[in-house]
Amino acid sequence: MTKLLITFVLAKIQKQKKMILETNVKSEWEYYLAHQDELVPLYNGKYIVMVGKKVRGAFDSFGEACAFGESNFELGTFLVQRCSPGNADYTVKFYSGMRI
């Protein structure tokens, strides 16, 4: 009985943490969309890493941006987005560091 309760509580904590992380990344995405016109002149063609509604780095490749994000921030808390005008790069992929 105790083992079942612990398993249930851990699953609930994991689910809550996942929801918080997804909300953080979604917030970064919404910030990017709202400020795209300001960001493009500064970072056009670069992959930007966003955390806390701020650009924390700009890179030539997706891999470089991901490596920077992973080494400096908790997985699931940062957004990597190719900065460009229009909506050509609007494909959104949410990566989570959660393991169940």
N, C-alpha and C. Protein backbone atom coordinates (compact mmCIF):
# COMPACT_ATOMS: atom_id res chain seq x y z
N MET A 1 0.82 -1.20 0.00
CA MET A 1 0.00 0.00 0.00
C MET A 1 0.86 1.26 0.00
N THR A 2 1.89 1.31 0.84
CA THR A 2 2.77 2.47 0.92
C THR A 2 3.51 2.69 -0.39
N LYS A 3 3.98 1.60 -1.00
CA LYS A 3 4.71 1.70 -2.27
C LYS A 3 3.80 2.28 -3.35
N LEU A 4 2.54 1.87 -3.36
CA LEU A 4 1.58 2.37 -4.34
C LEU A 4 1.35 3.87 -4.13
N LEU A 5 1.22 4.30 -2.89
CA LEU A 5 1.02 5.71 -2.58
C LEU A 5 2.23 6.54 -3.01
N ILE A 6 3.42 6.06 -2.74
CA ILE A 6 4.65 6.76 -3.14
C ILE A 6 4.71 6.89 -4.66
N THR A 7 4.39 5.82 -5.36
CA THR A 7 4.39 5.83 -6.82
C THR A 7 3.40 6.85 -7.35
N PHE A 8 2.21 6.90 -6.74
CA PHE A 8 1.18 7.85 -7.15
C PHE A 8 1.65 9.29 -6.94
N VAL A 9 2.21 9.57 -5.77
CA VAL A 9 2.68 10.91 -5.45
C VAL A 9 3.81 11.33 -6.40
N LEU A 10 4.75 10.43 -6.66
CA LEU A 10 5.85 10.75 -7.59
C LEU A 10 5.32 11.04 -8.99
N ALA A 11 4.35 10.27 -9.44
CA ALA A 11 3.77 10.48 -10.77
C ALA A 11 3.08 11.84 -10.82
N LYS A 12 2.39 12.20 -9.75
CA LYS A 12 1.71 13.49 -9.71
C LYS A 12 2.72 14.64 -9.73
N ILE A 13 3.81 14.52 -9.00
CA ILE A 13 4.86 15.54 -8.99
C ILE A 13 5.46 15.69 -10.37
N GLN A 14 5.76 14.57 -11.03
CA GLN A 14 6.33 14.60 -12.38
C GLN A 14 5.38 15.31 -13.35
N LYS A 15 4.10 15.02 -13.24
CA LYS A 15 3.11 15.63 -14.13
C LYS A 15 3.05 17.14 -13.89
N GLN A 16 3.05 17.57 -12.63
CA GLN A 16 3.02 18.99 -12.32
C GLN A 16 4.27 19.70 -12.83
N LYS A 17 5.43 19.08 -12.65
CA LYS A 17 6.68 19.68 -13.12
C LYS A 17 6.67 19.81 -14.64
N LYS A 18 6.18 18.79 -15.33
CA LYS A 18 6.10 18.83 -16.78
C LYS A 18 5.21 19.98 -17.24
N MET A 19 4.08 20.16 -16.58
CA MET A 19 3.16 21.24 -16.94
C MET A 19 3.82 22.60 -16.73
N ILE A 20 4.57 22.76 -15.65
CA ILE A 20 5.27 24.02 -15.38
C ILE A 20 6.31 24.30 -16.46
N LEU A 21 7.09 23.28 -16.81
CA LEU A 21 8.13 23.45 -17.83
C LEU A 21 7.52 23.80 -19.18
N GLU A 22 6.44 23.12 -19.56
CA GLU A 22 5.80 23.40 -20.84
C GLU A 22 5.23 24.81 -20.86
N THR A 23 4.71 25.26 -19.73
CA THR A 23 4.20 26.62 -19.63
C THR A 23 5.32 27.63 -19.82
N ASN A 24 6.49 27.36 -19.23
CA ASN A 24 7.64 28.26 -19.38
C ASN A 24 8.05 28.39 -20.84
N VAL A 25 8.17 27.28 -21.54
CA VAL A 25 8.60 27.30 -22.94
C VAL A 25 7.53 27.97 -23.80
N LYS A 26 6.28 27.70 -23.50
CA LYS A 26 5.19 28.34 -24.25
C LYS A 26 5.23 29.86 -24.05
N SER A 27 5.53 30.29 -22.84
CA SER A 27 5.65 31.71 -22.54
C SER A 27 6.78 32.35 -23.36
N GLU A 28 7.90 31.63 -23.49
CA GLU A 28 9.02 32.13 -24.30
C GLU A 28 8.60 32.26 -25.76
N TRP A 29 7.86 31.27 -26.27
CA TRP A 29 7.39 31.27 -27.65
C TRP A 29 6.47 32.47 -27.89
N GLU A 30 5.55 32.70 -26.97
CA GLU A 30 4.63 33.82 -27.10
C GLU A 30 5.38 35.15 -27.07
N TYR A 31 6.42 35.23 -26.25
CA TYR A 31 7.23 36.44 -26.20
C TYR A 31 7.94 36.66 -27.54
N TYR A 32 8.50 35.58 -28.10
CA TYR A 32 9.16 35.68 -29.40
C TYR A 32 8.19 36.23 -30.45
N LEU A 33 6.99 35.66 -30.50
CA LEU A 33 6.01 36.11 -31.49
C LEU A 33 5.67 37.59 -31.30
N ALA A 34 5.50 38.00 -30.07
CA ALA A 34 5.12 39.39 -29.79
C ALA A 34 6.25 40.38 -30.10
N HIS A 35 7.50 39.90 -30.06
CA HIS A 35 8.65 40.79 -30.26
C HIS A 35 9.49 40.44 -31.49
N GLN A 36 8.94 39.64 -32.35
CA GLN A 36 9.67 39.19 -33.53
C GLN A 36 10.21 40.36 -34.36
N ASP A 37 9.41 41.38 -34.55
CA ASP A 37 9.85 42.53 -35.36
C ASP A 37 11.06 43.24 -34.76
N GLU A 38 11.19 43.20 -33.44
CA GLU A 38 12.33 43.81 -32.77
C GLU A 38 13.56 42.90 -32.81
N LEU A 39 13.32 41.58 -32.77
CA LEU A 39 14.41 40.61 -32.70
C LEU A 39 15.07 40.35 -34.06
N VAL A 40 14.28 40.37 -35.12
CA VAL A 40 14.81 40.05 -36.45
C VAL A 40 15.97 40.96 -36.87
N PRO A 41 15.88 42.27 -36.71
CA PRO A 41 17.03 43.11 -37.10
C PRO A 41 18.32 42.78 -36.33
N LEU A 42 18.17 42.26 -35.12
CA LEU A 42 19.34 41.95 -34.30
C LEU A 42 19.89 40.54 -34.54
N TYR A 43 19.00 39.58 -34.84
CA TYR A 43 19.40 38.17 -34.86
C TYR A 43 18.96 37.42 -36.12
N ASN A 44 18.65 38.11 -37.19
CA ASN A 44 18.13 37.45 -38.39
C ASN A 44 19.02 36.29 -38.85
N GLY A 45 18.41 35.13 -39.00
CA GLY A 45 19.11 33.94 -39.47
C GLY A 45 19.82 33.16 -38.38
N LYS A 46 19.83 33.66 -37.18
CA LYS A 46 20.49 32.99 -36.05
C LYS A 46 19.48 32.15 -35.27
N TYR A 47 19.98 31.15 -34.59
CA TYR A 47 19.18 30.37 -33.66
C TYR A 47 19.38 30.99 -32.29
N ILE A 48 18.30 31.52 -31.74
CA ILE A 48 18.41 32.20 -30.45
C ILE A 48 17.93 31.29 -29.32
N VAL A 49 18.56 31.44 -28.19
CA VAL A 49 18.17 30.73 -26.97
C VAL A 49 17.49 31.76 -26.08
N MET A 50 16.24 31.48 -25.72
CA MET A 50 15.49 32.42 -24.90
C MET A 50 15.14 31.79 -23.56
N VAL A 51 15.37 32.57 -22.51
CA VAL A 51 15.03 32.19 -21.14
C VAL A 51 14.61 33.47 -20.42
N GLY A 52 13.52 33.40 -19.68
CA GLY A 52 13.09 34.58 -18.94
C GLY A 52 12.74 35.75 -19.82
N LYS A 53 12.23 35.45 -21.01
CA LYS A 53 11.86 36.47 -21.99
C LYS A 53 13.03 37.36 -22.38
N LYS A 54 14.22 36.74 -22.42
CA LYS A 54 15.43 37.42 -22.86
C LYS A 54 16.22 36.50 -23.76
N VAL A 55 16.90 37.07 -24.74
CA VAL A 55 17.80 36.29 -25.59
C VAL A 55 19.09 36.08 -24.80
N ARG A 56 19.44 34.81 -24.58
CA ARG A 56 20.63 34.49 -23.79
C ARG A 56 21.82 34.11 -24.66
N GLY A 57 21.55 33.87 -25.96
CA GLY A 57 22.62 33.54 -26.89
C GLY A 57 22.07 33.46 -28.29
N ALA A 58 22.94 33.68 -29.29
CA ALA A 58 22.57 33.59 -30.70
C ALA A 58 23.65 32.78 -31.42
N PHE A 59 23.22 31.79 -32.22
CA PHE A 59 24.15 30.83 -32.81
C PHE A 59 23.82 30.58 -34.27
N ASP A 60 24.82 30.10 -34.98
CA ASP A 60 24.65 29.80 -36.41
C ASP A 60 23.92 28.50 -36.66
N SER A 61 23.91 27.59 -35.69
CA SER A 61 23.25 26.30 -35.92
C SER A 61 22.35 25.93 -34.74
N PHE A 62 21.38 25.11 -35.05
CA PHE A 62 20.45 24.60 -34.05
C PHE A 62 21.21 23.80 -32.99
N GLY A 63 22.16 23.00 -33.44
CA GLY A 63 22.95 22.18 -32.52
C GLY A 63 23.73 23.00 -31.52
N GLU A 64 24.36 24.08 -32.00
CA GLU A 64 25.11 24.97 -31.10
C GLU A 64 24.18 25.60 -30.07
N ALA A 65 23.02 26.04 -30.53
CA ALA A 65 22.06 26.68 -29.63
C ALA A 65 21.56 25.69 -28.57
N CYS A 66 21.26 24.47 -28.99
CA CYS A 66 20.81 23.44 -28.04
C CYS A 66 21.90 23.11 -27.03
N ALA A 67 23.12 22.97 -27.50
CA ALA A 67 24.23 22.65 -26.60
C ALA A 67 24.41 23.76 -25.56
N PHE A 68 24.31 25.01 -25.99
CA PHE A 68 24.42 26.13 -25.06
C PHE A 68 23.28 26.09 -24.04
N GLY A 69 22.07 25.87 -24.54
CA GLY A 69 20.91 25.81 -23.64
C GLY A 69 21.03 24.69 -22.63
N GLU A 70 21.42 23.52 -23.08
CA GLU A 70 21.54 22.37 -22.19
C GLU A 70 22.63 22.56 -21.14
N SER A 71 23.71 23.24 -21.51
CA SER A 71 24.81 23.40 -20.56
C SER A 71 24.59 24.56 -19.59
N ASN A 72 23.63 25.44 -19.89
CA ASN A 72 23.43 26.61 -19.04
C ASN A 72 22.08 26.68 -18.33
N PHE A 73 21.12 25.88 -18.79
CA PHE A 73 19.78 25.96 -18.23
C PHE A 73 19.20 24.55 -18.06
N GLU A 74 18.22 24.44 -17.20
CA GLU A 74 17.56 23.16 -16.99
C GLU A 74 16.78 22.79 -18.25
N LEU A 75 16.85 21.52 -18.63
CA LEU A 75 16.10 21.07 -19.80
C LEU A 75 14.62 21.38 -19.61
N GLY A 76 14.01 21.86 -20.68
CA GLY A 76 12.60 22.19 -20.64
C GLY A 76 12.31 23.62 -20.21
N THR A 77 13.36 24.40 -19.93
CA THR A 77 13.14 25.77 -19.46
C THR A 77 13.56 26.82 -20.47
N PHE A 78 14.09 26.40 -21.60
CA PHE A 78 14.55 27.37 -22.60
C PHE A 78 13.97 27.04 -23.97
N LEU A 79 13.90 28.07 -24.80
CA LEU A 79 13.40 27.94 -26.16
C LEU A 79 14.54 28.18 -27.13
N VAL A 80 14.66 27.32 -28.13
CA VAL A 80 15.59 27.56 -29.24
C VAL A 80 14.71 27.86 -30.45
N GLN A 81 14.94 29.02 -31.05
CA GLN A 81 14.11 29.46 -32.17
C GLN A 81 14.98 30.10 -33.24
N ARG A 82 14.78 29.70 -34.48
CA ARG A 82 15.46 30.39 -35.58
C ARG A 82 14.76 31.72 -35.78
N CYS A 83 15.51 32.77 -35.71
CA CYS A 83 14.96 34.12 -35.81
C CYS A 83 14.94 34.55 -37.28
N SER A 84 13.75 34.81 -37.79
CA SER A 84 13.61 35.24 -39.18
C SER A 84 12.28 35.96 -39.34
N PRO A 85 12.18 36.78 -40.40
CA PRO A 85 10.91 37.47 -40.63
C PRO A 85 9.84 36.50 -41.11
N GLY A 86 8.60 36.86 -40.89
CA GLY A 86 7.49 36.03 -41.36
C GLY A 86 7.30 34.79 -40.51
N ASN A 87 6.58 33.84 -41.09
CA ASN A 87 6.25 32.64 -40.33
C ASN A 87 6.89 31.36 -40.87
N ALA A 88 7.88 31.48 -41.72
CA ALA A 88 8.51 30.30 -42.31
C ALA A 88 9.17 29.40 -41.27
N ASP A 89 9.63 29.97 -40.17
CA ASP A 89 10.31 29.19 -39.13
C ASP A 89 9.44 29.01 -37.88
N TYR A 90 8.14 28.96 -38.08
CA TYR A 90 7.22 28.84 -36.94
C TYR A 90 6.97 27.41 -36.48
N THR A 91 7.64 26.44 -37.03
CA THR A 91 7.46 25.08 -36.55
C THR A 91 7.92 25.04 -35.10
N VAL A 92 7.05 24.59 -34.23
CA VAL A 92 7.35 24.56 -32.81
C VAL A 92 7.54 23.12 -32.36
N LYS A 93 8.67 22.88 -31.72
CA LYS A 93 8.96 21.56 -31.15
C LYS A 93 9.27 21.78 -29.67
N PHE A 94 8.55 21.10 -28.83
CA PHE A 94 8.78 21.21 -27.41
C PHE A 94 9.56 19.98 -26.96
N TYR A 95 10.75 20.21 -26.42
CA TYR A 95 11.57 19.15 -25.89
C TYR A 95 11.55 19.25 -24.38
N SER A 96 11.37 18.14 -23.73
CA SER A 96 11.32 18.16 -22.28
C SER A 96 12.42 17.27 -21.73
N GLY A 97 12.99 17.68 -20.63
CA GLY A 97 14.00 16.88 -19.96
C GLY A 97 13.38 15.85 -19.04
N MET A 98 12.08 15.74 -19.04
CA MET A 98 11.39 14.81 -18.13
C MET A 98 11.59 13.37 -18.58
N ARG A 99 11.90 12.54 -17.63
CA ARG A 99 11.99 11.10 -17.90
C ARG A 99 11.05 10.41 -16.92
N ILE A 100 10.23 9.56 -17.43
CA ILE A 100 9.27 8.86 -16.56
C ILE A 100 9.63 7.40 -16.48
